[in-house]
């Protein structure tokens, strides 16, 4: 049985803080560019994942959000370094990693549901 996938593009700058929290709490996989907006990972559900894109000027060794996700104990984390300064996301390359993360998140979520958590 295929899971329903909903991809929602949200500009958090257009939302007040309460609205931002509501969006974040309903998110299974938070995807974003390296930057302050990823601080929202602190408000993700425990089963969620974070996928961070690095632009060439921010090296992937800058792992503050990976470390923060690790402090949240159960959050999954993955990242991808964009190869060019044009900030073009190679969809064919990134999609398999995002699908793997989504599958892991859904498995954890299903497991927790089956155990009544």
N, C-alpha and C. Protein backbone atom coordinates (compact mmCIF):
# COMPACT_ATOMS: atom_id res chain seq x y z
N UNK A 1 0.85 -1.17 0.00
CA UNK A 1 0.00 0.00 0.00
C UNK A 1 0.89 1.23 0.00
N UNK A 2 0.71 2.09 -0.96
CA UNK A 2 1.51 3.30 -1.06
C UNK A 2 1.01 4.35 -0.08
N UNK A 3 1.94 5.02 0.57
CA UNK A 3 1.59 6.10 1.49
C UNK A 3 1.27 7.36 0.69
N UNK A 4 0.39 8.15 1.24
CA UNK A 4 0.07 9.42 0.60
C UNK A 4 1.20 10.39 0.88
N UNK A 5 1.66 11.05 -0.17
CA UNK A 5 2.74 12.02 -0.03
C UNK A 5 2.19 13.39 -0.39
N UNK A 6 2.39 14.33 0.51
CA UNK A 6 1.99 15.71 0.27
C UNK A 6 3.24 16.56 0.39
N UNK A 7 3.57 17.26 -0.67
CA UNK A 7 4.70 18.18 -0.66
C UNK A 7 4.13 19.58 -0.61
N UNK A 8 4.55 20.31 0.40
CA UNK A 8 4.03 21.66 0.59
C UNK A 8 5.20 22.62 0.67
N UNK A 9 5.19 23.64 -0.19
CA UNK A 9 6.21 24.68 -0.16
C UNK A 9 5.66 25.79 0.72
N UNK A 10 6.42 26.13 1.75
CA UNK A 10 5.98 27.14 2.70
C UNK A 10 7.05 28.21 2.84
N UNK A 11 6.66 29.46 2.70
CA UNK A 11 7.55 30.59 2.98
C UNK A 11 7.26 31.02 4.41
N UNK A 12 8.08 30.57 5.34
CA UNK A 12 7.85 30.86 6.75
C UNK A 12 7.85 32.36 7.04
N UNK A 13 8.54 33.14 6.22
CA UNK A 13 8.60 34.59 6.44
C UNK A 13 7.21 35.23 6.34
N UNK A 14 6.31 34.58 5.62
CA UNK A 14 4.96 35.12 5.47
C UNK A 14 4.00 34.70 6.56
N UNK A 15 4.50 33.96 7.56
CA UNK A 15 3.65 33.45 8.63
C UNK A 15 4.09 34.02 9.97
N UNK A 16 3.12 34.21 10.89
CA UNK A 16 3.53 34.60 12.23
C UNK A 16 4.08 33.36 12.93
N UNK A 17 4.67 33.55 14.12
CA UNK A 17 5.38 32.45 14.77
C UNK A 17 4.45 31.28 15.11
N UNK A 18 3.24 31.56 15.58
CA UNK A 18 2.30 30.48 15.89
C UNK A 18 1.98 29.66 14.64
N UNK A 19 1.79 30.33 13.50
CA UNK A 19 1.51 29.61 12.26
C UNK A 19 2.72 28.77 11.84
N UNK A 20 3.92 29.32 12.02
CA UNK A 20 5.14 28.57 11.70
C UNK A 20 5.22 27.29 12.54
N UNK A 21 4.91 27.41 13.83
CA UNK A 21 4.95 26.23 14.70
C UNK A 21 3.91 25.20 14.29
N UNK A 22 2.73 25.65 13.91
CA UNK A 22 1.68 24.72 13.47
C UNK A 22 2.11 23.96 12.23
N UNK A 23 2.74 24.65 11.29
CA UNK A 23 3.24 23.99 10.07
C UNK A 23 4.32 22.98 10.44
N UNK A 24 5.25 23.40 11.28
CA UNK A 24 6.37 22.54 11.65
C UNK A 24 5.90 21.30 12.40
N UNK A 25 4.97 21.46 13.31
CA UNK A 25 4.48 20.31 14.10
C UNK A 25 3.74 19.30 13.23
N UNK A 26 3.27 19.72 12.06
CA UNK A 26 2.55 18.82 11.15
C UNK A 26 3.46 18.29 10.04
N UNK A 27 4.76 18.51 10.16
CA UNK A 27 5.72 18.15 9.11
C UNK A 27 6.41 16.83 9.44
N UNK A 28 6.49 15.95 8.45
CA UNK A 28 7.22 14.69 8.62
C UNK A 28 8.68 14.83 8.19
N UNK A 29 8.93 15.55 7.10
CA UNK A 29 10.30 15.77 6.62
C UNK A 29 10.45 17.25 6.30
N UNK A 30 11.33 17.92 7.03
CA UNK A 30 11.62 19.33 6.81
C UNK A 30 12.79 19.41 5.85
N UNK A 31 12.60 20.08 4.73
CA UNK A 31 13.63 20.21 3.70
C UNK A 31 13.94 21.69 3.56
N UNK A 32 15.22 22.05 3.62
CA UNK A 32 15.56 23.46 3.46
C UNK A 32 17.03 23.69 3.22
N UNK A 33 17.32 24.91 2.79
CA UNK A 33 18.71 25.34 2.62
C UNK A 33 19.32 25.59 3.99
N UNK A 34 20.63 25.41 4.08
CA UNK A 34 21.34 25.72 5.32
C UNK A 34 21.04 27.17 5.68
N UNK A 35 20.59 27.39 6.88
CA UNK A 35 20.29 28.74 7.33
C UNK A 35 19.40 28.71 8.55
N UNK A 36 19.11 29.90 9.05
CA UNK A 36 18.38 30.04 10.31
C UNK A 36 17.01 29.38 10.30
N UNK A 37 16.37 29.26 9.15
CA UNK A 37 15.04 28.64 9.08
C UNK A 37 15.02 27.20 9.54
N UNK A 38 16.17 26.52 9.48
CA UNK A 38 16.21 25.12 9.92
C UNK A 38 16.12 24.98 11.44
N UNK A 39 16.17 26.08 12.16
CA UNK A 39 16.00 26.01 13.61
C UNK A 39 14.62 25.45 13.96
N UNK A 40 13.70 25.51 13.00
CA UNK A 40 12.37 24.94 13.22
C UNK A 40 12.42 23.44 13.52
N UNK A 41 13.55 22.79 13.22
CA UNK A 41 13.65 21.35 13.50
C UNK A 41 13.42 21.05 14.96
N UNK A 42 13.63 22.02 15.84
CA UNK A 42 13.40 21.80 17.27
C UNK A 42 11.93 21.54 17.59
N UNK A 43 11.03 21.92 16.67
CA UNK A 43 9.60 21.79 16.91
C UNK A 43 8.96 20.67 16.07
N UNK A 44 9.78 19.89 15.37
CA UNK A 44 9.26 18.77 14.58
C UNK A 44 8.75 17.66 15.49
N UNK A 45 7.82 16.85 14.98
CA UNK A 45 7.42 15.66 15.74
C UNK A 45 8.63 14.74 15.92
N UNK A 46 8.60 13.93 16.94
CA UNK A 46 9.74 13.06 17.26
C UNK A 46 10.09 12.07 16.15
N UNK A 47 9.13 11.73 15.29
CA UNK A 47 9.38 10.76 14.22
C UNK A 47 9.96 11.39 12.95
N UNK A 48 10.13 12.69 12.93
CA UNK A 48 10.42 13.44 11.69
C UNK A 48 11.88 13.34 11.25
N UNK A 49 12.12 13.90 10.08
CA UNK A 49 13.46 13.97 9.51
C UNK A 49 13.76 15.36 9.00
N UNK A 50 15.04 15.65 8.86
CA UNK A 50 15.51 16.95 8.35
C UNK A 50 16.45 16.67 7.19
N UNK A 51 16.21 17.35 6.08
CA UNK A 51 17.08 17.24 4.90
C UNK A 51 17.60 18.64 4.59
N UNK A 52 18.91 18.83 4.71
CA UNK A 52 19.54 20.14 4.58
C UNK A 52 20.35 20.23 3.28
N UNK A 53 20.14 21.31 2.55
CA UNK A 53 20.95 21.59 1.36
C UNK A 53 22.03 22.60 1.74
N UNK A 54 23.25 22.33 1.26
CA UNK A 54 24.35 23.26 1.45
C UNK A 54 24.69 23.91 0.12
N UNK A 55 24.79 25.24 0.10
CA UNK A 55 25.26 25.92 -1.10
C UNK A 55 26.79 25.91 -1.07
N UNK A 56 27.44 26.13 -2.22
CA UNK A 56 28.90 26.02 -2.27
C UNK A 56 29.63 26.93 -1.29
N UNK A 57 29.02 28.08 -0.94
CA UNK A 57 29.71 28.97 -0.01
C UNK A 57 29.60 28.52 1.45
N UNK A 58 28.75 27.56 1.73
CA UNK A 58 28.61 27.00 3.09
C UNK A 58 29.01 25.53 3.00
N UNK A 59 30.19 25.19 3.46
CA UNK A 59 30.65 23.80 3.31
C UNK A 59 29.82 22.82 4.15
N UNK A 60 29.66 21.60 3.66
CA UNK A 60 28.92 20.57 4.41
C UNK A 60 29.52 20.27 5.78
N UNK A 61 30.75 20.72 6.02
CA UNK A 61 31.35 20.51 7.34
C UNK A 61 30.71 21.41 8.39
N UNK A 62 29.86 22.34 7.96
CA UNK A 62 29.15 23.25 8.85
C UNK A 62 27.87 22.55 9.32
N UNK A 63 28.02 21.64 10.30
CA UNK A 63 26.94 20.73 10.66
C UNK A 63 26.18 21.13 11.91
N UNK A 64 25.95 22.41 12.13
CA UNK A 64 25.25 22.80 13.36
C UNK A 64 23.84 22.23 13.42
N UNK A 65 23.14 22.13 12.27
CA UNK A 65 21.78 21.60 12.29
C UNK A 65 21.77 20.08 12.42
N UNK A 66 22.78 19.42 11.90
CA UNK A 66 22.90 17.97 12.12
C UNK A 66 23.11 17.70 13.59
N UNK A 67 23.97 18.49 14.24
CA UNK A 67 24.20 18.31 15.67
C UNK A 67 22.94 18.59 16.46
N UNK A 68 22.21 19.63 16.08
CA UNK A 68 20.96 19.96 16.76
C UNK A 68 19.93 18.84 16.60
N UNK A 69 19.82 18.29 15.38
CA UNK A 69 18.91 17.17 15.16
C UNK A 69 19.31 15.99 16.04
N UNK A 70 20.61 15.78 16.21
CA UNK A 70 21.08 14.70 17.07
C UNK A 70 20.70 14.91 18.53
N UNK A 71 20.66 16.17 18.96
CA UNK A 71 20.23 16.47 20.33
C UNK A 71 18.75 16.16 20.54
N UNK A 72 18.00 16.18 19.44
CA UNK A 72 16.57 15.86 19.52
C UNK A 72 16.35 14.35 19.48
N UNK A 73 17.40 13.58 19.62
CA UNK A 73 17.43 12.13 19.81
C UNK A 73 16.83 11.31 18.67
N UNK A 74 15.58 11.50 18.31
CA UNK A 74 14.95 10.59 17.35
C UNK A 74 14.87 11.15 15.94
N UNK A 75 15.24 12.40 15.72
CA UNK A 75 15.13 12.99 14.38
C UNK A 75 16.15 12.37 13.43
N UNK A 76 15.71 12.07 12.23
CA UNK A 76 16.62 11.61 11.18
C UNK A 76 17.22 12.83 10.50
N UNK A 77 18.43 12.68 9.95
CA UNK A 77 19.10 13.81 9.29
C UNK A 77 19.84 13.31 8.07
N UNK A 78 19.78 14.11 7.00
CA UNK A 78 20.60 13.87 5.82
C UNK A 78 20.86 15.22 5.17
N UNK A 79 21.84 15.28 4.29
CA UNK A 79 22.16 16.56 3.64
C UNK A 79 22.70 16.31 2.24
N UNK A 80 22.76 17.39 1.49
CA UNK A 80 23.29 17.34 0.13
C UNK A 80 23.97 18.67 -0.16
N UNK A 81 25.19 18.62 -0.67
CA UNK A 81 25.93 19.83 -1.04
C UNK A 81 25.66 20.14 -2.51
N UNK A 82 25.11 21.31 -2.76
CA UNK A 82 24.86 21.71 -4.15
C UNK A 82 26.19 21.91 -4.86
N UNK A 83 26.29 21.39 -6.08
CA UNK A 83 27.59 21.39 -6.76
C UNK A 83 27.99 22.72 -7.40
N UNK A 84 27.04 23.62 -7.63
CA UNK A 84 27.37 24.86 -8.33
C UNK A 84 26.78 26.07 -7.62
N UNK A 85 27.35 27.22 -7.90
CA UNK A 85 26.90 28.47 -7.29
C UNK A 85 25.52 28.91 -7.78
N UNK A 86 24.98 28.26 -8.81
CA UNK A 86 23.65 28.63 -9.30
C UNK A 86 22.54 28.14 -8.36
N UNK A 87 22.92 27.35 -7.35
CA UNK A 87 21.96 26.81 -6.36
C UNK A 87 20.85 26.00 -7.03
N UNK A 88 21.22 25.25 -8.04
CA UNK A 88 20.28 24.39 -8.73
C UNK A 88 20.29 23.02 -8.05
N UNK A 89 19.12 22.56 -7.66
CA UNK A 89 19.01 21.26 -7.00
C UNK A 89 18.84 20.18 -8.06
N UNK A 90 19.79 19.25 -8.16
CA UNK A 90 19.67 18.17 -9.15
C UNK A 90 18.63 17.14 -8.67
N UNK A 91 17.41 17.34 -9.09
CA UNK A 91 16.28 16.55 -8.60
C UNK A 91 16.51 15.06 -8.76
N UNK A 92 17.06 14.62 -9.89
CA UNK A 92 17.26 13.19 -10.12
C UNK A 92 18.25 12.61 -9.11
N UNK A 93 19.18 13.40 -8.64
CA UNK A 93 20.18 12.93 -7.70
C UNK A 93 19.65 12.93 -6.27
N UNK A 94 18.89 13.96 -5.93
CA UNK A 94 18.43 14.16 -4.56
C UNK A 94 17.18 13.33 -4.23
N UNK A 95 16.33 13.10 -5.21
CA UNK A 95 15.06 12.40 -4.96
C UNK A 95 15.24 11.05 -4.26
N UNK A 96 16.17 10.19 -4.67
CA UNK A 96 16.30 8.91 -3.96
C UNK A 96 16.62 9.08 -2.46
N UNK A 97 17.43 10.06 -2.12
CA UNK A 97 17.76 10.29 -0.71
C UNK A 97 16.53 10.78 0.05
N UNK A 98 15.75 11.64 -0.56
CA UNK A 98 14.53 12.12 0.08
C UNK A 98 13.50 11.00 0.25
N UNK A 99 13.39 10.15 -0.76
CA UNK A 99 12.46 9.02 -0.68
C UNK A 99 12.89 8.07 0.44
N UNK A 100 14.20 7.79 0.54
CA UNK A 100 14.70 6.91 1.62
C UNK A 100 14.36 7.49 2.99
N UNK A 101 14.58 8.81 3.14
CA UNK A 101 14.28 9.45 4.41
C UNK A 101 12.78 9.35 4.72
N UNK A 102 11.96 9.65 3.73
CA UNK A 102 10.51 9.59 3.93
C UNK A 102 10.08 8.19 4.33
N UNK A 103 10.65 7.16 3.70
CA UNK A 103 10.30 5.78 4.03
C UNK A 103 10.69 5.45 5.47
N UNK A 104 11.86 5.93 5.89
CA UNK A 104 12.28 5.68 7.27
C UNK A 104 11.36 6.39 8.26
N UNK A 105 11.02 7.64 7.95
CA UNK A 105 10.12 8.41 8.81
C UNK A 105 8.77 7.71 8.92
N UNK A 106 8.23 7.28 7.78
CA UNK A 106 6.92 6.61 7.78
C UNK A 106 6.98 5.30 8.56
N UNK A 107 8.10 4.58 8.46
CA UNK A 107 8.23 3.32 9.21
C UNK A 107 8.23 3.58 10.72
N UNK A 108 8.96 4.60 11.14
CA UNK A 108 8.98 4.95 12.57
C UNK A 108 7.59 5.39 13.02
N UNK A 109 6.96 6.23 12.21
CA UNK A 109 5.62 6.73 12.54
C UNK A 109 4.63 5.56 12.65
N UNK A 110 4.68 4.63 11.74
CA UNK A 110 3.79 3.47 11.75
C UNK A 110 4.06 2.59 12.96
N UNK A 111 5.32 2.42 13.29
CA UNK A 111 5.69 1.61 14.46
C UNK A 111 5.15 2.24 15.74
N UNK A 112 5.29 3.54 15.86
CA UNK A 112 4.80 4.23 17.05
C UNK A 112 3.27 4.13 17.13
N UNK A 113 2.61 4.25 15.99
CA UNK A 113 1.15 4.13 15.98
C UNK A 113 0.71 2.75 16.42
N UNK A 114 1.43 1.73 15.95
CA UNK A 114 1.04 0.35 16.28
C UNK A 114 1.27 0.04 17.76
N UNK A 115 2.15 0.82 18.39
CA UNK A 115 2.42 0.63 19.81
C UNK A 115 1.65 1.63 20.67
N UNK A 116 0.77 2.40 20.03
CA UNK A 116 -0.07 3.34 20.76
C UNK A 116 0.66 4.56 21.30
N UNK A 117 1.78 4.92 20.69
CA UNK A 117 2.53 6.10 21.15
C UNK A 117 2.15 7.31 20.34
